[in-house]
Amino acid sequence: MSKPIQPPAPPAAEPLVWVLDSAYTGELGARVGVAERLGYGYDTIPLPGTDAAAYARMLRARYQLACGAGGERSLVLLSGTGEDTLGPVADLRHDFDGRLLNVFLASILPDPPDPRLHEYDLIASPQIQGDKVVTTLGVAHKLNPARLEAARRAHADRFAGLERPLVGLLVGGNTRYCAGFDVAHAQALGRKTRRVVESLGGSLVATNSRRTPADAWAALLAEFDGLDRRCFDWRQDPGLYPALLAEGDVFIATGDSISMCSEASHTGKPLLVDLAESATESFHRAIVGKLLEYGAARHLDGGFEPWTYTPPDPAGAVAAAIQELLDRKAPRVLQAEKAR
């Protein structure tokens, strides 16, 4: 007697993707970049408050509304360094009955890392290795070819008439534990940058960041008198930063900004990095040092010889690891739906 034909199992619903908000531009950009690479769309959720129980209730209600009557979906929550949310977000695993995939995107981790990191399903970090860890080259970010091209088109007039090659100078500044980005450091950086631009016979476009001291920025710009150059203040038009990454032929970045170094290396164009110990932390030098070892960057010493490399893609690596976990989790979610 032949067995009855079983109907095919219904396809599992696409996962929900939540991005935890952050006031830190680089941290939020990393989460958005990974969410976009997953391709399911995403929603931004607020930071936890002081009432953990109320926060969990709000998220459960949001999840149920997104799933609809009687449905269940896998949930990817992207959080990470920045605000101190590691513990409260880790606790959410108790509220979603095995359907939550908790992902922590790290830029700089303390040494040793917080033991509660082990409660996450996946950790992305340029510093650590191990089970449940994606060891990235640089840090995840939201730049991709489409976003760069859109920025280039939107701001093409701001770069018109500049001599090629165009050197893009990406300037960070002082960090929480390092205040060495002073006038003297800026002047030294300016002299090295000028030598590169003059050796290439091109032009310079420089941009600062929220961490750049005003007096150091002014001293840096004074070193460029007489050059074919344009300098943009990030507060006036932040959209010029991705346009510069799209337009530039060679980049110089300060090593205090892991995000800038990671984004510049993603373009595949030559990147010279200033890793002066007086203006960087040991964590910066270790993380950016991996880009040097890989061949995506070289030390800024005032000279330049062209080279090529395959661009690192940290956001893509993290998204691929998340998708692999989702593929393993999907059958369990489908079984839970059938049991309801």
Protein backbone atom coordinates (compact mmCIF):
# COMPACT_ATOMS: atom_id res chain seq x y z
CA MET A 1 0.00 0.00 0.00
CA SER A 2 1.50 3.30 -1.02
CA LYS A 3 2.02 5.96 1.58
CA PRO A 4 -0.01 9.15 1.28
CA ILE A 5 1.86 12.02 -0.26
CA GLN A 6 2.75 14.59 2.34
CA PRO A 7 2.22 18.19 1.30
CA PRO A 8 5.38 20.27 1.28
CA ALA A 9 6.10 22.20 4.44
CA PRO A 10 5.15 25.86 4.17
CA PRO A 11 8.12 28.20 3.85
CA ALA A 12 9.26 29.80 7.07
CA ALA A 13 8.48 33.50 7.37
CA GLU A 14 11.35 35.89 6.83
CA PRO A 15 13.09 36.84 10.05
CA LEU A 16 12.57 40.14 11.77
CA VAL A 17 15.69 42.27 12.08
CA TRP A 18 15.97 44.88 14.82
CA VAL A 19 18.76 47.43 15.11
CA LEU A 20 19.38 48.85 18.58
CA ASP A 21 19.68 52.62 18.36
CA SER A 22 22.90 54.43 19.34
CA ALA A 23 24.12 58.00 19.60
CA TYR A 24 27.51 56.82 18.30
CA THR A 25 27.56 57.22 14.52
CA GLY A 26 30.04 54.43 13.83
CA GLU A 27 28.30 51.92 16.10
CA LEU A 28 24.88 52.59 14.58
CA GLY A 29 26.36 52.51 11.08
CA ALA A 30 27.83 49.06 11.75
CA ARG A 31 24.44 47.67 12.79
CA VAL A 32 22.62 49.26 9.87
CA GLY A 33 25.28 48.00 7.45
CA VAL A 34 24.88 44.40 8.60
CA ALA A 35 21.07 44.69 8.60
CA GLU A 36 21.08 45.96 5.03
CA ARG A 37 23.38 43.17 3.91
CA LEU A 38 20.95 40.59 5.33
CA GLY A 39 18.32 41.92 2.93
CA TYR A 40 15.19 41.43 5.07
CA GLY A 41 14.61 45.06 5.96
CA TYR A 42 14.97 46.25 9.53
CA ASP A 43 13.43 48.37 12.27
CA THR A 44 15.25 50.49 14.82
CA ILE A 45 14.38 49.89 18.46
CA PRO A 46 15.10 52.28 21.34
CA LEU A 47 17.79 51.86 23.95
CA PRO A 48 16.81 50.07 27.19
CA GLY A 49 15.70 52.33 30.01
CA THR A 50 15.85 51.83 33.74
CA ASP A 51 12.72 49.62 33.79
CA ALA A 52 13.90 46.33 32.29
CA ALA A 53 10.53 44.62 32.68
CA ALA A 54 8.68 47.41 30.85
CA TYR A 55 11.29 47.36 28.08
CA ALA A 56 10.86 43.61 27.59
CA ARG A 57 7.06 43.94 27.51
CA MET A 58 7.28 46.66 24.89
CA LEU A 59 9.53 44.53 22.68
CA ARG A 60 7.34 41.43 23.07
CA ALA A 61 4.29 43.44 22.02
CA ARG A 62 6.20 44.81 19.03
CA TYR A 63 7.28 41.30 18.06
CA GLN A 64 3.73 39.92 18.30
CA LEU A 65 2.38 42.77 16.20
CA ALA A 66 4.99 42.12 13.52
CA CYS A 67 4.30 38.37 13.46
CA GLY A 68 0.52 38.69 13.24
CA ALA A 69 -2.09 36.36 14.68
CA GLY A 70 -0.69 32.93 15.45
CA GLY A 71 2.61 33.45 13.65
CA GLU A 72 6.19 33.05 14.80
CA ARG A 73 9.34 34.43 13.19
CA SER A 74 13.02 34.31 13.96
CA LEU A 75 14.26 37.60 15.38
CA VAL A 76 17.74 39.05 14.81
CA LEU A 77 18.73 41.80 17.25
CA LEU A 78 21.84 43.78 16.34
CA SER A 79 23.47 45.65 19.21
CA GLY A 80 27.07 46.30 20.23
CA THR A 81 29.58 48.65 21.77
CA GLY A 82 28.70 52.25 22.49
CA GLU A 83 26.12 52.71 25.22
CA ASP A 84 26.32 50.19 28.08
CA THR A 85 23.53 47.84 26.98
CA LEU A 86 25.36 44.52 27.04
CA GLY A 87 23.58 43.09 30.09
CA PRO A 88 20.03 44.33 29.41
CA VAL A 89 20.10 43.12 25.81
CA ALA A 90 21.56 39.75 26.82
CA ASP A 91 18.67 39.32 29.28
CA LEU A 92 16.14 39.50 26.42
CA ARG A 93 16.90 35.90 25.49
CA HIS A 94 14.45 34.90 28.26
CA ASP A 95 11.58 36.75 26.56
CA PHE A 96 11.46 35.22 23.07
CA ASP A 97 11.32 31.46 23.65
CA GLY A 98 14.39 30.54 21.62
CA ARG A 99 13.46 32.68 18.63
CA LEU A 100 15.93 35.48 19.32
CA LEU A 101 19.33 35.58 17.63
CA ASN A 102 21.31 38.07 19.70
CA VAL A 103 24.25 39.58 17.77
CA PHE A 104 26.88 41.86 19.34
CA LEU A 105 28.94 44.04 16.98
CA ALA A 106 32.10 45.21 18.71
CA SER A 107 34.46 47.98 17.70
CA ILE A 108 36.81 48.10 20.71
CA LEU A 109 36.42 45.60 23.56
CA PRO A 110 38.07 45.93 26.96
CA ASP A 111 40.71 43.42 27.98
CA PRO A 112 39.45 41.01 29.20
CA PRO A 113 36.02 41.21 27.52
CA ASP A 114 32.89 41.22 29.68
CA PRO A 115 31.98 37.58 30.49
CA ARG A 116 28.35 38.27 29.58
CA LEU A 117 29.39 38.39 25.93
CA HIS A 118 29.26 34.58 26.02
CA GLU A 119 25.47 34.82 26.43
CA TYR A 120 25.15 36.19 22.88
CA ASP A 121 24.57 33.92 19.90
CA LEU A 122 27.17 35.68 17.76
CA ILE A 123 29.93 38.23 18.40
CA ALA A 124 31.62 40.20 15.64
CA SER A 125 34.97 41.66 16.68
CA PRO A 126 38.31 42.59 15.10
CA GLN A 127 40.06 41.68 18.38
CA ILE A 128 38.96 38.25 19.56
CA GLN A 129 38.56 34.74 18.21
CA GLY A 130 36.66 31.66 19.33
CA ASP A 131 33.32 29.89 19.21
CA LYS A 132 30.42 32.15 18.23
CA VAL A 133 32.89 34.81 17.09
CA VAL A 134 33.29 36.33 13.62
CA THR A 135 36.77 37.84 13.66
CA THR A 136 36.51 40.77 11.28
CA LEU A 137 39.17 42.69 9.41
CA GLY A 138 38.33 46.20 10.54
CA VAL A 139 34.81 46.87 11.77
CA ALA A 140 31.44 46.58 10.07
CA HIS A 141 30.01 49.72 8.46
CA LYS A 142 27.16 50.73 6.16
CA LEU A 143 29.13 51.67 3.06
CA ASN A 144 28.56 49.67 -0.12
CA PRO A 145 29.04 50.38 -3.83
CA ALA A 146 25.48 51.62 -4.32
CA ARG A 147 25.66 54.05 -1.39
CA LEU A 148 29.06 55.35 -2.53
CA GLU A 149 27.85 55.89 -6.08
CA ALA A 150 24.75 57.73 -4.89
CA ALA A 151 26.92 60.02 -2.75
CA ARG A 152 29.27 60.61 -5.66
CA ARG A 153 26.43 61.68 -7.93
CA ALA A 154 24.85 63.90 -5.28
CA HIS A 155 28.07 65.84 -4.63
CA ALA A 156 29.95 65.64 -7.94
CA ASP A 157 30.01 69.44 -8.22
CA ARG A 158 31.97 69.76 -4.99
CA PHE A 159 34.91 67.86 -6.51
CA ALA A 160 34.79 69.32 -10.01
CA GLY A 161 38.02 70.85 -11.30
CA LEU A 162 40.37 69.18 -8.80
CA GLU A 163 43.60 67.74 -10.14
CA ARG A 164 44.01 63.97 -10.13
CA PRO A 165 45.01 61.95 -8.28
CA LEU A 166 42.76 63.20 -5.50
CA VAL A 167 44.07 62.52 -1.97
CA GLY A 168 41.35 62.25 0.66
CA LEU A 169 42.41 63.12 4.22
CA LEU A 170 40.10 61.63 6.88
CA VAL A 171 40.74 63.24 10.26
CA GLY A 172 39.58 61.88 13.61
CA GLY A 173 40.81 63.38 16.85
CA ASN A 174 40.97 62.81 20.57
CA THR A 175 39.43 59.74 22.16
CA ARG A 176 38.26 58.90 25.65
CA TYR A 177 41.70 57.77 26.80
CA CYS A 178 44.01 59.63 24.42
CA ALA A 179 44.19 63.42 24.07
CA GLY A 180 47.31 63.62 21.90
CA PHE A 181 45.65 65.14 18.85
CA ASP A 182 46.98 68.60 19.60
CA VAL A 183 48.34 71.43 17.47
CA ALA A 184 51.84 69.93 17.24
CA HIS A 185 50.48 66.56 16.14
CA ALA A 186 48.20 68.21 13.57
CA GLN A 187 51.12 70.15 12.12
CA ALA A 188 53.20 66.98 11.76
CA LEU A 189 50.26 65.20 10.12
CA GLY A 190 49.85 68.15 7.75
CA ARG A 191 53.49 68.06 6.68
CA LYS A 192 53.39 64.33 5.92
CA THR A 193 50.13 64.73 4.02
CA ARG A 194 51.51 67.62 2.00
CA ARG A 195 54.53 65.56 0.92
CA VAL A 196 52.24 62.82 -0.38
CA VAL A 197 50.06 65.26 -2.34
CA GLU A 198 53.06 67.07 -3.82
CA SER A 199 54.79 63.82 -4.77
CA LEU A 200 51.68 62.76 -6.70
CA GLY A 201 51.10 66.15 -8.30
CA GLY A 202 47.42 65.94 -7.41
CA SER A 203 44.96 67.67 -5.10
CA LEU A 204 43.75 67.31 -1.52
CA VAL A 205 40.29 67.06 0.00
CA ALA A 206 40.19 66.96 3.80
CA THR A 207 37.34 66.37 6.23
CA ASN A 208 37.26 66.33 10.03
CA SER A 209 35.00 64.62 12.59
CA ARG A 210 33.20 65.49 15.79
CA ARG A 211 36.34 64.54 17.74
CA THR A 212 38.70 66.92 15.92
CA PRO A 213 39.81 69.81 18.21
CA ALA A 214 39.17 73.18 16.56
CA ASP A 215 42.68 74.51 17.17
CA ALA A 216 44.28 71.33 15.79
CA TRP A 217 42.05 71.45 12.70
CA ALA A 218 43.03 75.07 12.06
CA ALA A 219 46.72 74.23 12.46
CA LEU A 220 46.35 71.29 10.09
CA LEU A 221 44.72 73.39 7.39
CA ALA A 222 47.45 76.02 7.69
CA GLU A 223 49.95 73.40 6.52
CA PHE A 224 48.12 73.15 3.18
CA ASP A 225 48.49 76.77 2.05
CA GLY A 226 49.23 76.89 -1.68
CA LEU A 227 47.97 73.37 -2.41
CA ASP A 228 45.10 72.60 -4.75
CA ARG A 229 42.76 71.68 -1.95
CA ARG A 230 39.26 71.79 -0.52
CA CYS A 231 38.39 71.21 3.13
CA PHE A 232 34.95 70.32 4.46
CA ASP A 233 33.71 70.63 8.02
CA TRP A 234 31.59 67.58 8.88
CA ARG A 235 29.03 69.75 10.70
CA GLN A 236 28.16 71.63 7.51
CA ASP A 237 27.45 68.65 5.28
CA PRO A 238 28.02 65.10 6.61
CA GLY A 239 26.96 63.70 3.23
CA LEU A 240 30.28 64.79 1.77
CA TYR A 241 32.15 62.07 3.65
CA PRO A 242 30.86 59.11 1.58
CA ALA A 243 31.20 61.26 -1.54
CA LEU A 244 34.88 61.77 -0.72
CA LEU A 245 35.33 58.01 -0.32
CA ALA A 246 33.76 57.55 -3.74
CA GLU A 247 35.79 60.31 -5.43
CA GLY A 248 39.19 59.85 -3.78
CA ASP A 249 42.07 58.02 -5.44
CA VAL A 250 44.32 57.72 -2.37
CA PHE A 251 43.33 58.05 1.30
CA ILE A 252 45.13 59.18 4.41
CA ALA A 253 43.35 58.42 7.69
CA THR A 254 44.16 58.94 11.34
CA GLY A 255 44.41 55.65 13.21
CA ASP A 256 42.24 56.81 16.11
CA SER A 257 39.18 56.16 13.90
CA ILE A 258 38.76 52.46 13.24
CA SER A 259 35.56 53.21 11.35
CA MET A 260 37.26 55.63 8.94
CA CYS A 261 40.10 53.18 8.32
CA SER A 262 37.64 50.32 7.74
CA GLU A 263 35.48 52.37 5.40
CA ALA A 264 38.43 53.68 3.39
CA SER A 265 39.86 50.17 3.00
CA HIS A 266 36.47 48.94 1.76
CA THR A 267 36.95 51.09 -1.35
CA GLY A 268 39.98 49.02 -2.38
CA LYS A 269 42.02 52.19 -2.90
CA PRO A 270 45.44 52.80 -1.32
CA LEU A 271 45.18 53.84 2.34
CA LEU A 272 47.96 55.47 4.35
CA VAL A 273 47.40 55.46 8.12
CA ASP A 274 48.83 57.73 10.81
CA LEU A 275 49.33 55.48 13.84
CA ALA A 276 51.43 57.82 15.99
CA GLU A 277 51.47 56.46 19.55
CA SER A 278 50.89 59.94 20.96
CA ALA A 279 47.49 60.17 19.25
CA THR A 280 46.21 56.57 19.30
CA GLU A 281 45.39 53.92 21.88
CA SER A 282 46.93 50.46 21.89
CA PHE A 283 43.56 49.05 20.78
CA HIS A 284 43.61 51.28 17.69
CA ARG A 285 47.13 50.24 16.80
CA ALA A 286 46.31 46.55 17.19
CA ILE A 287 43.10 46.65 15.14
CA VAL A 288 44.39 48.92 12.37
CA GLY A 289 47.60 46.90 12.45
CA LYS A 290 45.63 43.95 11.07
CA LEU A 291 44.71 46.07 8.05
CA LEU A 292 48.42 46.78 7.60
CA GLU A 293 49.27 43.07 7.83
CA TYR A 294 46.55 42.23 5.32
CA GLY A 295 47.85 44.78 2.85
CA ALA A 296 44.86 47.12 2.83
CA ALA A 297 46.87 49.94 4.43
CA ARG A 298 50.40 51.20 4.87
CA HIS A 299 52.01 53.56 7.35
CA LEU A 300 51.95 57.26 6.55
CA ASP A 301 55.57 58.42 6.34
CA GLY A 302 55.30 61.13 3.71
CA GLY A 303 55.98 58.88 0.73
CA PHE A 304 53.73 56.86 -1.55
CA GLU A 305 54.06 53.88 -3.88
CA PRO A 306 50.86 52.49 -5.45
CA TRP A 307 49.58 49.01 -4.62
CA THR A 308 46.37 46.97 -4.91
CA TYR A 309 44.45 44.62 -2.60
CA THR A 310 41.12 42.87 -2.29
CA PRO A 311 38.84 45.11 -0.16
CA PRO A 312 37.87 43.69 3.24
CA ASP A 313 34.13 43.26 3.75
CA PRO A 314 33.44 42.95 7.50
CA ALA A 315 29.69 43.65 7.21
CA GLY A 316 29.38 40.95 4.55
CA ALA A 317 31.25 38.44 6.72
CA VAL A 318 28.95 39.11 9.69
CA ALA A 319 25.81 38.93 7.56
CA ALA A 320 26.92 35.57 6.13
CA ALA A 321 27.49 34.17 9.64
CA ILE A 322 24.06 35.40 10.76
CA GLN A 323 22.40 33.84 7.72
CA GLU A 324 24.05 30.50 8.48
CA LEU A 325 22.63 30.60 12.01
CA LEU A 326 19.20 31.59 10.68
CA ASP A 327 19.23 28.65 8.27
CA ARG A 328 19.82 26.33 11.22
CA LYS A 329 17.21 28.05 13.36
CA ALA A 330 14.44 28.15 10.72
CA PRO A 331 13.38 24.48 11.03
CA ARG A 332 12.94 24.88 14.79
CA VAL A 333 10.75 27.94 14.29
CA LEU A 334 8.68 26.08 11.69
CA GLN A 335 8.19 23.16 14.07
CA ALA A 336 7.04 25.57 16.76
CA GLU A 337 4.49 27.04 14.34
CA LYS A 338 3.09 23.57 13.55
CA ALA A 339 2.79 22.75 17.25
CA ARG A 340 0.64 25.81 17.95
